[in-house]
Amino acid sequence: MAKGTVVIDPGHGGNIDVGGSSKNNAVSASGVLEKNITLRFAFLVRDALQEVAQLGGHTVKIILTRDKDTNLGLSDRAKVAKTNKADIFLSIHCNGFNATTRGTETLISPKNINSNHPADRALALRVQKATFNAIKAHDANAKDRGVKDQKLGVLNEAALGTKSRGCLVELEFIDVPAVDILLNVGPNSPQVRADMAKAIANAIIEDLKANQ
């Protein structure tokens, strides 16, 4: 059985930029803000993880870096995991670019500044596969952009600590109209979001079990 502490970080929030964390970045084709999507999705992942843990007899403590429309600096987000000696830190974001580029990707801190790189990559691969497959099941045009190394303040090892395995998932490019319909405003959007959250919850349990 799995046991551990998981910190879920809904990206952005609030009305001002704080400590390297912008109040909002991407905006969906219909005007839904990334900060609201990430918070809603964090709640779904939390609830799905609680359900999966209960059904499987796992013991999982779940902490959100924010549960309302507020903003925390990047290092403060990471420190939530360090302070609580979290096993997993998952930051949730959405991309936006040119209203046509698509795909799901998961980011981890680069090897040269990350002593946990192998473990972080294993976590990220699980999260990436789960998220992409859940979207692909509803949309044949889903694209797997893979796991990538990227220097990110929210995954800085000094703030996050060496105990936590950390990654940042970019759910999709929400400025694409088809993605907006898929995730936000379409008749099937609630089911798509629920399936994604459950898939990520299962990936987290899998990672906890692998690191017992």
C-alpha atoms as a PDB file:
ATOM      1  CA  MET A   1       0.000   0.000   0.000  1.00  0.00           C
ATOM      2  CA  ALA A   2       1.120   3.535  -0.724  1.00  0.00           C
ATOM      3  CA  LYS A   3       1.817   6.081   1.974  1.00  0.00           C
ATOM      4  CA  GLY A   4       2.975   9.648   1.709  1.00  0.00           C
ATOM      5  CA  THR A   5       2.327  13.383   1.557  1.00  0.00           C
ATOM      6  CA  VAL A   6       1.400  15.118  -1.680  1.00  0.00           C
ATOM      7  CA  VAL A   7       1.408  18.877  -2.289  1.00  0.00           C
ATOM      8  CA  ILE A   8      -0.689  20.103  -5.199  1.00  0.00           C
ATOM      9  CA  ASP A   9       0.138  23.578  -6.470  1.00  0.00           C
ATOM     10  CA  PRO A  10      -2.479  25.382  -8.606  1.00  0.00           C
ATOM     11  CA  GLY A  11      -0.440  27.827 -10.671  1.00  0.00           C
ATOM     12  CA  HIS A  12      -0.864  31.614 -10.474  1.00  0.00           C
ATOM     13  CA  GLY A  13      -3.740  33.323  -8.621  1.00  0.00           C
ATOM     14  CA  GLY A  14      -4.743  36.602  -7.069  1.00  0.00           C
ATOM     15  CA  ASN A  15      -4.553  40.055  -8.618  1.00  0.00           C
ATOM     16  CA  ILE A  16      -0.856  40.911  -8.321  1.00  0.00           C
ATOM     17  CA  ASP A  17       2.418  39.251  -9.276  1.00  0.00           C
ATOM     18  CA  VAL A  18       4.259  37.866  -6.253  1.00  0.00           C
ATOM     19  CA  GLY A  19       7.787  36.500  -5.955  1.00  0.00           C
ATOM     20  CA  GLY A  20       8.153  35.485  -9.584  1.00  0.00           C
ATOM     21  CA  SER A  21       4.626  34.059  -9.749  1.00  0.00           C
ATOM     22  CA  SER A  22       2.425  36.002 -12.165  1.00  0.00           C
ATOM     23  CA  LYS A  23      -1.232  36.461 -11.294  1.00  0.00           C
ATOM     24  CA  ASN A  24      -2.171  34.829 -14.582  1.00  0.00           C
ATOM     25  CA  ASN A  25      -0.551  33.817 -17.852  1.00  0.00           C
ATOM     26  CA  ALA A  26      -2.685  31.908 -20.355  1.00  0.00           C
ATOM     27  CA  VAL A  27      -6.283  32.747 -21.222  1.00  0.00           C
ATOM     28  CA  SER A  28      -8.619  30.311 -22.939  1.00  0.00           C
ATOM     29  CA  ALA A  29     -10.282  31.048 -26.270  1.00  0.00           C
ATOM     30  CA  SER A  30     -13.505  31.912 -24.448  1.00  0.00           C
ATOM     31  CA  GLY A  31     -11.766  34.011 -21.800  1.00  0.00           C
ATOM     32  CA  VAL A  32     -11.324  31.523 -18.946  1.00  0.00           C
ATOM     33  CA  LEU A  33      -8.218  32.433 -16.942  1.00  0.00           C
ATOM     34  CA  GLU A  34      -5.465  29.896 -16.356  1.00  0.00           C
ATOM     35  CA  LYS A  35      -5.438  30.701 -12.620  1.00  0.00           C
ATOM     36  CA  ASN A  36      -9.066  29.590 -12.346  1.00  0.00           C
ATOM     37  CA  ILE A  37      -8.551  26.463 -14.417  1.00  0.00           C
ATOM     38  CA  THR A  38      -5.580  25.374 -12.314  1.00  0.00           C
ATOM     39  CA  LEU A  39      -7.438  25.898  -9.041  1.00  0.00           C
ATOM     40  CA  ARG A  40     -10.509  24.011 -10.230  1.00  0.00           C
ATOM     41  CA  PHE A  41      -8.327  21.199 -11.523  1.00  0.00           C
ATOM     42  CA  ALA A  42      -6.308  21.036  -8.298  1.00  0.00           C
ATOM     43  CA  PHE A  43      -9.546  20.446  -6.390  1.00  0.00           C
ATOM     44  CA  LEU A  44     -10.438  17.648  -8.817  1.00  0.00           C
ATOM     45  CA  VAL A  45      -7.037  15.985  -8.430  1.00  0.00           C
ATOM     46  CA  ARG A  46      -7.263  16.286  -4.647  1.00  0.00           C
ATOM     47  CA  ASP A  47     -10.723  14.717  -4.569  1.00  0.00           C
ATOM     48  CA  ALA A  48      -9.748  11.971  -7.015  1.00  0.00           C
ATOM     49  CA  LEU A  49      -6.612  11.205  -5.018  1.00  0.00           C
ATOM     50  CA  GLN A  50      -8.624  10.974  -1.809  1.00  0.00           C
ATOM     51  CA  GLU A  51     -11.024   8.566  -3.488  1.00  0.00           C
ATOM     52  CA  VAL A  52      -8.304   6.395  -5.017  1.00  0.00           C
ATOM     53  CA  ALA A  53      -6.451   6.289  -1.701  1.00  0.00           C
ATOM     54  CA  GLN A  54      -9.569   5.298   0.224  1.00  0.00           C
ATOM     55  CA  LEU A  55     -10.545   2.580  -2.241  1.00  0.00           C
ATOM     56  CA  GLY A  56      -7.027   1.181  -2.352  1.00  0.00           C
ATOM     57  CA  GLY A  57      -6.307   1.380   1.365  1.00  0.00           C
ATOM     58  CA  HIS A  58      -3.523   3.917   0.851  1.00  0.00           C
ATOM     59  CA  THR A  59      -2.601   6.587   3.382  1.00  0.00           C
ATOM     60  CA  VAL A  60      -2.096   9.890   1.621  1.00  0.00           C
ATOM     61  CA  LYS A  61      -1.988  13.369   3.120  1.00  0.00           C
ATOM     62  CA  ILE A  62      -2.901  16.025   0.560  1.00  0.00           C
ATOM     63  CA  ILE A  63      -2.022  19.716   0.852  1.00  0.00           C
ATOM     64  CA  LEU A  64      -2.844  22.527  -1.575  1.00  0.00           C
ATOM     65  CA  THR A  65      -0.565  25.552  -1.821  1.00  0.00           C
ATOM     66  CA  ARG A  66      -3.693  27.648  -2.303  1.00  0.00           C
ATOM     67  CA  ASP A  67      -7.407  26.935  -2.084  1.00  0.00           C
ATOM     68  CA  LYS A  68      -8.699  30.343  -3.216  1.00  0.00           C
ATOM     69  CA  ASP A  69      -7.823  33.152  -5.604  1.00  0.00           C
ATOM     70  CA  THR A  70      -4.565  34.227  -4.001  1.00  0.00           C
ATOM     71  CA  ASN A  71      -1.001  34.249  -5.257  1.00  0.00           C
ATOM     72  CA  LEU A  72       2.130  32.859  -3.607  1.00  0.00           C
ATOM     73  CA  GLY A  73       5.708  33.452  -4.649  1.00  0.00           C
ATOM     74  CA  LEU A  74       7.413  30.567  -6.410  1.00  0.00           C
ATOM     75  CA  SER A  75       9.742  29.752  -3.534  1.00  0.00           C
ATOM     76  CA  ASP A  76       6.869  29.933  -1.046  1.00  0.00           C
ATOM     77  CA  ARG A  77       4.933  27.406  -3.113  1.00  0.00           C
ATOM     78  CA  ALA A  78       7.894  25.039  -3.095  1.00  0.00           C
ATOM     79  CA  LYS A  79       8.476  25.586   0.613  1.00  0.00           C
ATOM     80  CA  VAL A  80       5.018  24.192   1.360  1.00  0.00           C
ATOM     81  CA  ALA A  81       6.403  20.847   0.224  1.00  0.00           C
ATOM     82  CA  LYS A  82       9.663  21.260   2.117  1.00  0.00           C
ATOM     83  CA  THR A  83       7.953  22.322   5.350  1.00  0.00           C
ATOM     84  CA  ASN A  84       5.550  19.382   5.204  1.00  0.00           C
ATOM     85  CA  LYS A  85       8.252  16.904   4.134  1.00  0.00           C
ATOM     86  CA  ALA A  86       6.152  16.068   1.097  1.00  0.00           C
ATOM     87  CA  ASP A  87       7.003  13.073  -1.036  1.00  0.00           C
ATOM     88  CA  ILE A  88       5.496  14.632  -4.163  1.00  0.00           C
ATOM     89  CA  PHE A  89       5.077  18.216  -5.334  1.00  0.00           C
ATOM     90  CA  LEU A  90       2.849  18.657  -8.392  1.00  0.00           C
ATOM     91  CA  SER A  91       2.426  22.110  -9.906  1.00  0.00           C
ATOM     92  CA  ILE A  92      -0.490  22.497 -12.326  1.00  0.00           C
ATOM     93  CA  HIS A  93      -0.445  24.961 -15.232  1.00  0.00           C
ATOM     94  CA  CYS A  94      -1.833  25.556 -18.712  1.00  0.00           C
ATOM     95  CA  ASN A  95      -0.036  26.757 -21.814  1.00  0.00           C
ATOM     96  CA  GLY A  96      -0.961  29.425 -24.321  1.00  0.00           C
ATOM     97  CA  PHE A  97       0.902  30.504 -27.443  1.00  0.00           C
ATOM     98  CA  ASN A  98      -0.541  31.138 -30.899  1.00  0.00           C
ATOM     99  CA  ALA A  99      -4.053  29.630 -30.724  1.00  0.00           C
ATOM    100  CA  THR A 100      -2.960  26.656 -32.840  1.00  0.00           C
ATOM    101  CA  THR A 101      -0.071  24.933 -31.010  1.00  0.00           C
ATOM    102  CA  ARG A 102      -1.284  22.004 -28.933  1.00  0.00           C
ATOM    103  CA  GLY A 103      -0.065  19.387 -26.514  1.00  0.00           C
ATOM    104  CA  THR A 104       0.549  18.230 -22.977  1.00  0.00           C
ATOM    105  CA  GLU A 105       4.012  18.443 -21.425  1.00  0.00           C
ATOM    106  CA  THR A 106       5.554  17.930 -18.009  1.00  0.00           C
ATOM    107  CA  LEU A 107       8.599  19.833 -16.784  1.00  0.00           C
ATOM    108  CA  ILE A 108      11.287  18.992 -14.254  1.00  0.00           C
ATOM    109  CA  SER A 109      14.325  20.793 -12.927  1.00  0.00           C
ATOM    110  CA  PRO A 110      17.453  20.165 -15.066  1.00  0.00           C
ATOM    111  CA  LYS A 111      19.938  17.484 -14.133  1.00  0.00           C
ATOM    112  CA  ASN A 112      22.835  19.872 -13.470  1.00  0.00           C
ATOM    113  CA  ILE A 113      20.920  21.627 -10.671  1.00  0.00           C
ATOM    114  CA  ASN A 114      18.750  18.768  -9.474  1.00  0.00           C
ATOM    115  CA  SER A 115      20.048  15.934  -7.318  1.00  0.00           C
ATOM    116  CA  ASN A 116      16.612  14.266  -7.597  1.00  0.00           C
ATOM    117  CA  HIS A 117      16.557  14.271 -11.392  1.00  0.00           C
ATOM    118  CA  PRO A 118      16.034  10.503 -11.925  1.00  0.00           C
ATOM    119  CA  ALA A 119      13.199  10.330  -9.383  1.00  0.00           C
ATOM    120  CA  ASP A 120      11.655  13.559 -10.664  1.00  0.00           C
ATOM    121  CA  ARG A 121      11.764  12.241 -14.209  1.00  0.00           C
ATOM    122  CA  ALA A 122      10.101   8.976 -13.191  1.00  0.00           C
ATOM    123  CA  LEU A 123       7.295  10.955 -11.521  1.00  0.00           C
ATOM    124  CA  ALA A 124       6.971  13.278 -14.499  1.00  0.00           C
ATOM    125  CA  LEU A 125       6.767  10.381 -16.946  1.00  0.00           C
ATOM    126  CA  ARG A 126       3.894   8.906 -14.937  1.00  0.00           C
ATOM    127  CA  VAL A 127       2.051  12.228 -14.756  1.00  0.00           C
ATOM    128  CA  GLN A 128       2.675  12.989 -18.424  1.00  0.00           C
ATOM    129  CA  LYS A 129       1.455   9.593 -19.616  1.00  0.00           C
ATOM    130  CA  ALA A 130      -1.626   9.769 -17.420  1.00  0.00           C
ATOM    131  CA  THR A 131      -2.592  13.277 -18.480  1.00  0.00           C
ATOM    132  CA  PHE A 132      -1.980  12.743 -22.176  1.00  0.00           C
ATOM    133  CA  ASN A 133      -3.780   9.404 -22.332  1.00  0.00           C
ATOM    134  CA  ALA A 134      -6.818  10.847 -20.537  1.00  0.00           C
ATOM    135  CA  ILE A 135      -7.026  13.695 -23.046  1.00  0.00           C
ATOM    136  CA  LYS A 136      -6.320  11.400 -25.994  1.00  0.00           C
ATOM    137  CA  ALA A 137      -9.254   9.212 -24.989  1.00  0.00           C
ATOM    138  CA  HIS A 138     -11.535  12.181 -25.671  1.00  0.00           C
ATOM    139  CA  ASP A 139      -9.652  13.895 -28.499  1.00  0.00           C
ATOM    140  CA  ALA A 140      -7.731  12.181 -31.282  1.00  0.00           C
ATOM    141  CA  ASN A 141      -5.827  15.434 -31.941  1.00  0.00           C
ATOM    142  CA  ALA A 142      -4.136  15.375 -28.533  1.00  0.00           C
ATOM    143  CA  LYS A 143      -0.372  15.730 -28.717  1.00  0.00           C
ATOM    144  CA  ASP A 144       2.253  14.298 -26.375  1.00  0.00           C
ATOM    145  CA  ARG A 145       5.011  16.889 -25.948  1.00  0.00           C
ATOM    146  CA  GLY A 146       6.834  14.690 -23.448  1.00  0.00           C
ATOM    147  CA  VAL A 147       8.892  15.373 -20.349  1.00  0.00           C
ATOM    148  CA  LYS A 148      11.373  18.246 -20.538  1.00  0.00           C
ATOM    149  CA  ASP A 149      14.077  19.744 -18.385  1.00  0.00           C
ATOM    150  CA  GLN A 150      13.491  23.416 -17.619  1.00  0.00           C
ATOM    151  CA  LYS A 151      14.804  25.720 -14.925  1.00  0.00           C
ATOM    152  CA  LEU A 152      11.757  26.792 -12.913  1.00  0.00           C
ATOM    153  CA  GLY A 153      11.592  28.750  -9.678  1.00  0.00           C
ATOM    154  CA  VAL A 154       8.784  26.620  -8.326  1.00  0.00           C
ATOM    155  CA  LEU A 155      10.954  23.506  -8.674  1.00  0.00           C
ATOM    156  CA  ASN A 156      14.140  25.061  -7.279  1.00  0.00           C
ATOM    157  CA  GLU A 157      15.794  22.451  -5.083  1.00  0.00           C
ATOM    158  CA  ALA A 158      16.841  24.940  -2.408  1.00  0.00           C
ATOM    159  CA  ALA A 159      13.184  25.836  -1.800  1.00  0.00           C
ATOM    160  CA  LEU A 160      11.647  22.458  -2.558  1.00  0.00           C
ATOM    161  CA  GLY A 161      14.156  20.406  -0.595  1.00  0.00           C
ATOM    162  CA  THR A 162      15.679  17.081  -1.538  1.00  0.00           C
ATOM    163  CA  LYS A 163      12.940  14.883  -0.074  1.00  0.00           C
ATOM    164  CA  SER A 164      10.229  15.970  -2.506  1.00  0.00           C
ATOM    165  CA  ARG A 165       9.941  14.636  -6.020  1.00  0.00           C
ATOM    166  CA  GLY A 166       8.639  17.505  -8.103  1.00  0.00           C
ATOM    167  CA  CYS A 167       7.243  18.260 -11.539  1.00  0.00           C
ATOM    168  CA  LEU A 168       5.073  20.815 -13.319  1.00  0.00           C
ATOM    169  CA  VAL A 169       2.382  19.642 -15.729  1.00  0.00           C
ATOM    170  CA  GLU A 170       1.155  21.894 -18.544  1.00  0.00           C
ATOM    171  CA  LEU A 171      -2.283  20.412 -19.169  1.00  0.00           C
ATOM    172  CA  GLU A 172      -2.792  21.835 -22.680  1.00  0.00           C
ATOM    173  CA  PHE A 173      -2.703  25.041 -24.751  1.00  0.00           C
ATOM    174  CA  ILE A 174      -5.948  26.601 -23.622  1.00  0.00           C
ATOM    175  CA  ASP A 175      -5.902  29.410 -26.196  1.00  0.00           C
ATOM    176  CA  VAL A 176      -6.793  26.830 -28.860  1.00  0.00           C
ATOM    177  CA  PRO A 177     -10.591  26.890 -29.416  1.00  0.00           C
ATOM    178  CA  ALA A 178     -10.811  23.083 -29.643  1.00  0.00           C
ATOM    179  CA  VAL A 179      -9.004  22.730 -26.311  1.00  0.00           C
ATOM    180  CA  ASP A 180     -11.281  25.309 -24.716  1.00  0.00           C
ATOM    181  CA  ILE A 181     -14.278  23.262 -25.816  1.00  0.00           C
ATOM    182  CA  LEU A 182     -12.593  20.085 -24.605  1.00  0.00           C
ATOM    183  CA  LEU A 183     -11.620  21.314 -21.148  1.00  0.00           C
ATOM    184  CA  ASN A 184     -13.781  24.301 -20.289  1.00  0.00           C
ATOM    185  CA  VAL A 185     -16.971  25.063 -22.177  1.00  0.00           C
ATOM    186  CA  GLY A 186     -17.945  21.889 -24.005  1.00  0.00           C
ATOM    187  CA  PRO A 187     -20.812  19.600 -22.957  1.00  0.00           C
ATOM    188  CA  ASN A 188     -18.335  16.844 -22.136  1.00  0.00           C
ATOM    189  CA  SER A 189     -15.794  19.072 -20.354  1.00  0.00           C
ATOM    190  CA  PRO A 190     -16.721  17.968 -16.807  1.00  0.00           C
ATOM    191  CA  GLN A 191     -16.150  14.327 -17.759  1.00  0.00           C
ATOM    192  CA  VAL A 192     -12.856  15.125 -19.489  1.00  0.00           C
ATOM    193  CA  ARG A 193     -11.590  16.992 -16.439  1.00  0.00           C
ATOM    194  CA  ALA A 194     -12.724  14.206 -14.124  1.00  0.00           C
ATOM    195  CA  ASP A 195     -10.979  11.567 -16.235  1.00  0.00           C
ATOM    196  CA  MET A 196      -7.770  13.604 -16.293  1.00  0.00           C
ATOM    197  CA  ALA A 197      -7.850  14.121 -12.533  1.00  0.00           C
ATOM    198  CA  LYS A 198      -8.426  10.436 -11.836  1.00  0.00           C
ATOM    199  CA  ALA A 199      -5.613   9.455 -14.189  1.00  0.00           C
ATOM    200  CA  ILE A 200      -3.205  11.820 -12.432  1.00  0.00           C
ATOM    201  CA  ALA A 201      -4.350  10.538  -9.041  1.00  0.00           C
ATOM    202  CA  ASN A 202      -3.554   6.983 -10.112  1.00  0.00           C
ATOM    203  CA  ALA A 203      -0.151   8.118 -11.397  1.00  0.00           C
ATOM    204  CA  ILE A 204       0.613   9.697  -8.015  1.00  0.00           C
ATOM    205  CA  ILE A 205      -0.332   6.521  -6.173  1.00  0.00           C
ATOM    206  CA  GLU A 206       1.841   4.523  -8.568  1.00  0.00           C
ATOM    207  CA  ASP A 207       4.785   6.814  -7.854  1.00  0.00           C
ATOM    208  CA  LEU A 208       4.281   6.612  -4.094  1.00  0.00           C
ATOM    209  CA  LYS A 209       4.174   2.830  -4.261  1.00  0.00           C
ATOM    210  CA  ALA A 210       7.339   2.753  -6.333  1.00  0.00           C
ATOM    211  CA  ASN A 211       9.157   4.808  -3.711  1.00  0.00           C
ATOM    212  CA  GLN A 212       8.060   3.083  -0.499  1.00  0.00           C
END
